[in-house]
Amino acid sequence: MKNISILLLAVLIFTISCSKDDENKADIMTKNVYSLEQLLDDNFEYTSGEVTVEGLCVHVCSHSGKKMFITGDNPDNKLQIFSSNSISSFDKELEGSKVLVSGELEEEKIDMNYINQWETELAAEADEVGEHACEFEANMNKIEALKEKIAKSKKGYISKYTMNISSLKEL
């Protein structure tokens, strides 16, 4: 009888500890959830650590499944997400689904130096191969739009983020 009581107590303790781990994982996925628009806002300051972002999966790389893109309310705002040791690839069936992704962000700062270098590269390409009017014009329009965003930015640059994923939840 003593042995059965001890066994039942051990099972009870194990069950409680496992459910608390599951609750903690669920909390991690719902704490500090950002929209893509919040992430790209001038007031967002990322220093380090794990961030959770909610968005719509619009693309999963069909060759390797190691990259995917999510968007927010504005389809022009995209976050590129890379697989990791935790999640080695993404299922193509995620496309069209709302997802919560958590992981470490990497920030690329797009400032006027970046823009000037891009303009120089475009001009050099146009000189070498001749302007492909549509492509060249589209890129120049993107550059002008970025210049306007940078001019309006409080930080003097635009942040472009990518994420190395640690967890994924389909909503």
Protein backbone atom coordinates (compact mmCIF):
# COMPACT_ATOMS: atom_id res chain seq x y z
CA MET A 1 0.00 0.00 0.00
CA LYS A 2 2.88 2.34 0.85
CA ASN A 3 4.52 1.63 -2.50
CA ILE A 4 1.31 2.41 -4.40
CA SER A 5 0.92 5.70 -2.50
CA ILE A 6 4.50 6.69 -3.26
CA LEU A 7 4.04 5.75 -6.93
CA LEU A 8 0.81 7.77 -7.19
CA LEU A 9 2.50 10.76 -5.53
CA ALA A 10 5.40 10.57 -7.98
CA VAL A 11 3.01 10.41 -10.96
CA LEU A 12 1.05 13.37 -9.59
CA ILE A 13 4.20 15.48 -9.14
CA PHE A 14 5.42 14.56 -12.63
CA THR A 15 2.05 15.47 -14.18
CA ILE A 16 1.93 18.84 -12.43
CA SER A 17 5.50 19.73 -13.44
CA CYS A 18 4.85 18.81 -17.09
CA SER A 19 1.68 20.89 -17.24
CA LYS A 20 3.53 23.90 -15.77
CA ASP A 21 6.19 23.54 -18.50
CA ASP A 22 3.42 23.56 -21.12
CA GLU A 23 1.85 26.64 -19.50
CA ASN A 24 5.23 28.40 -19.51
CA LYS A 25 5.70 27.62 -23.21
CA ALA A 26 2.21 28.92 -23.94
CA ASP A 27 2.97 32.11 -21.95
CA ILE A 28 6.16 32.67 -23.94
CA MET A 29 4.16 32.46 -27.17
CA THR A 30 1.61 35.06 -25.98
CA LYS A 31 3.78 37.52 -24.04
CA ASN A 32 5.13 40.52 -25.92
CA VAL A 33 3.39 39.65 -29.16
CA TYR A 34 4.03 42.32 -31.77
CA SER A 35 2.37 43.01 -35.07
CA LEU A 36 4.69 43.60 -38.00
CA GLU A 37 3.60 47.25 -38.03
CA GLN A 38 4.69 47.64 -34.38
CA LEU A 39 8.02 46.02 -35.19
CA LEU A 40 8.65 48.45 -38.05
CA ASP A 41 7.45 51.53 -36.14
CA ASP A 42 10.03 54.23 -35.35
CA ASN A 43 9.32 53.83 -31.63
CA PHE A 44 10.19 50.11 -31.56
CA GLU A 45 13.64 49.56 -30.08
CA TYR A 46 15.09 46.09 -30.22
CA THR A 47 18.15 45.36 -28.15
CA SER A 48 18.23 41.58 -27.88
CA GLY A 49 16.26 38.57 -26.80
CA GLU A 50 13.34 36.63 -28.12
CA VAL A 51 10.42 38.42 -29.74
CA THR A 52 7.05 37.01 -30.85
CA VAL A 53 5.43 38.36 -33.99
CA GLU A 54 1.98 37.64 -35.36
CA GLY A 55 1.43 37.71 -39.11
CA LEU A 56 0.13 36.03 -42.23
CA CYS A 57 2.44 33.51 -43.87
CA VAL A 58 2.57 34.55 -47.52
CA HIS A 59 5.46 32.44 -48.77
CA VAL A 60 7.44 29.34 -47.87
CA CYS A 61 10.51 28.60 -49.97
CA SER A 62 9.53 25.62 -52.10
CA HIS A 63 13.13 24.48 -52.72
CA SER A 64 14.33 24.00 -49.17
CA GLY A 65 11.51 25.09 -46.86
CA LYS A 66 14.16 26.90 -44.80
CA LYS A 67 12.75 30.42 -45.35
CA MET A 68 9.33 31.95 -45.07
CA PHE A 69 7.82 35.41 -45.16
CA ILE A 70 5.01 36.84 -43.09
CA THR A 71 3.13 40.11 -43.58
CA GLY A 72 1.07 42.31 -41.35
CA ASP A 73 -1.89 44.52 -42.21
CA ASN A 74 0.16 46.19 -44.94
CA PRO A 75 1.23 43.52 -47.46
CA ASP A 76 4.30 45.61 -48.35
CA ASN A 77 5.70 45.03 -44.84
CA LYS A 78 7.37 41.62 -44.75
CA LEU A 79 9.46 39.75 -42.24
CA GLN A 80 11.81 37.08 -43.58
CA ILE A 81 12.10 34.14 -41.21
CA PHE A 82 14.89 31.57 -41.31
CA SER A 83 14.75 28.02 -39.99
CA SER A 84 16.98 27.00 -37.09
CA ASN A 85 18.00 24.01 -35.01
CA SER A 86 14.58 24.19 -33.31
CA ILE A 87 12.60 24.17 -36.56
CA SER A 88 14.60 22.79 -39.46
CA SER A 89 12.08 23.63 -42.21
CA PHE A 90 8.65 25.11 -42.81
CA ASP A 91 5.68 23.26 -44.26
CA LYS A 92 4.43 24.74 -47.54
CA GLU A 93 0.88 24.33 -46.18
CA LEU A 94 1.53 27.26 -43.80
CA GLU A 95 1.00 29.66 -46.72
CA GLY A 96 -2.21 31.60 -46.15
CA SER A 97 -2.26 30.86 -42.40
CA LYS A 98 -1.96 33.28 -39.49
CA VAL A 99 1.07 32.37 -37.40
CA LEU A 100 2.90 33.35 -34.23
CA VAL A 101 6.65 33.16 -34.65
CA SER A 102 9.22 33.62 -31.91
CA GLY A 103 12.94 34.08 -32.20
CA GLU A 104 15.92 36.38 -32.27
CA LEU A 105 15.79 39.35 -34.63
CA GLU A 106 18.63 40.63 -36.77
CA GLU A 107 18.41 44.29 -37.71
CA GLU A 108 19.67 45.82 -40.93
CA LYS A 109 19.75 49.61 -40.86
CA ILE A 110 18.77 51.24 -44.14
CA ASP A 111 20.18 54.75 -44.11
CA MET A 112 21.23 57.27 -46.76
CA ASN A 113 24.62 55.55 -47.19
CA TYR A 114 22.80 52.32 -48.05
CA ILE A 115 20.52 54.19 -50.49
CA ASN A 116 23.43 56.02 -52.15
CA GLN A 117 25.31 52.74 -52.62
CA TRP A 118 22.21 51.10 -54.13
CA GLU A 119 21.75 54.04 -56.54
CA THR A 120 25.40 53.78 -57.60
CA GLU A 121 25.04 50.04 -58.24
CA LEU A 122 21.86 50.57 -60.27
CA ALA A 123 23.51 53.27 -62.37
CA ALA A 124 26.54 51.01 -63.02
CA GLU A 125 24.26 48.12 -64.06
CA ALA A 126 22.29 50.41 -66.35
CA ASP A 127 25.54 51.59 -67.99
CA GLU A 128 26.76 47.99 -68.50
CA VAL A 129 23.66 46.29 -69.84
CA GLY A 130 21.50 49.22 -70.82
CA GLU A 131 18.50 50.32 -68.83
CA HIS A 132 15.67 47.85 -68.61
CA ALA A 133 13.15 50.65 -68.28
CA CYS A 134 10.56 48.83 -66.17
CA GLU A 135 12.99 47.25 -63.71
CA PHE A 136 15.20 50.32 -63.45
CA GLU A 137 12.20 52.60 -62.94
CA ALA A 138 10.68 50.28 -60.32
CA ASN A 139 13.94 50.22 -58.36
CA MET A 140 14.28 53.99 -58.57
CA ASN A 141 10.71 54.36 -57.28
CA LYS A 142 11.59 52.07 -54.35
CA ILE A 143 14.65 54.22 -53.64
CA GLU A 144 12.61 57.42 -53.66
CA ALA A 145 10.04 55.88 -51.30
CA LEU A 146 12.82 54.77 -48.95
CA LYS A 147 14.38 58.25 -49.02
CA GLU A 148 11.03 59.71 -47.95
CA LYS A 149 10.69 57.17 -45.12
CA ILE A 150 14.23 57.86 -43.93
CA ALA A 151 13.61 61.62 -43.99
CA LYS A 152 10.48 61.14 -41.85
CA SER A 153 12.16 58.69 -39.47
CA LYS A 154 13.07 59.89 -35.99
CA LYS A 155 16.07 57.55 -35.99
CA GLY A 156 17.52 58.72 -39.33
CA TYR A 157 17.26 55.20 -40.75
CA ILE A 158 14.76 52.45 -41.39
CA SER A 159 15.05 49.12 -39.63
CA LYS A 160 14.68 45.97 -41.69
CA TYR A 161 14.46 42.83 -39.57
CA THR A 162 14.93 39.14 -40.22
CA MET A 163 14.27 36.40 -37.66
CA ASN A 164 15.98 33.15 -36.73
CA ILE A 165 13.01 31.17 -35.49
CA SER A 166 12.84 29.26 -32.22
CA SER A 167 9.11 28.45 -32.14
CA LEU A 168 6.10 28.54 -34.44
CA LYS A 169 2.40 28.31 -33.76
CA GLU A 170 -0.27 28.23 -36.45
CA LEU A 171 -3.37 30.17 -35.40
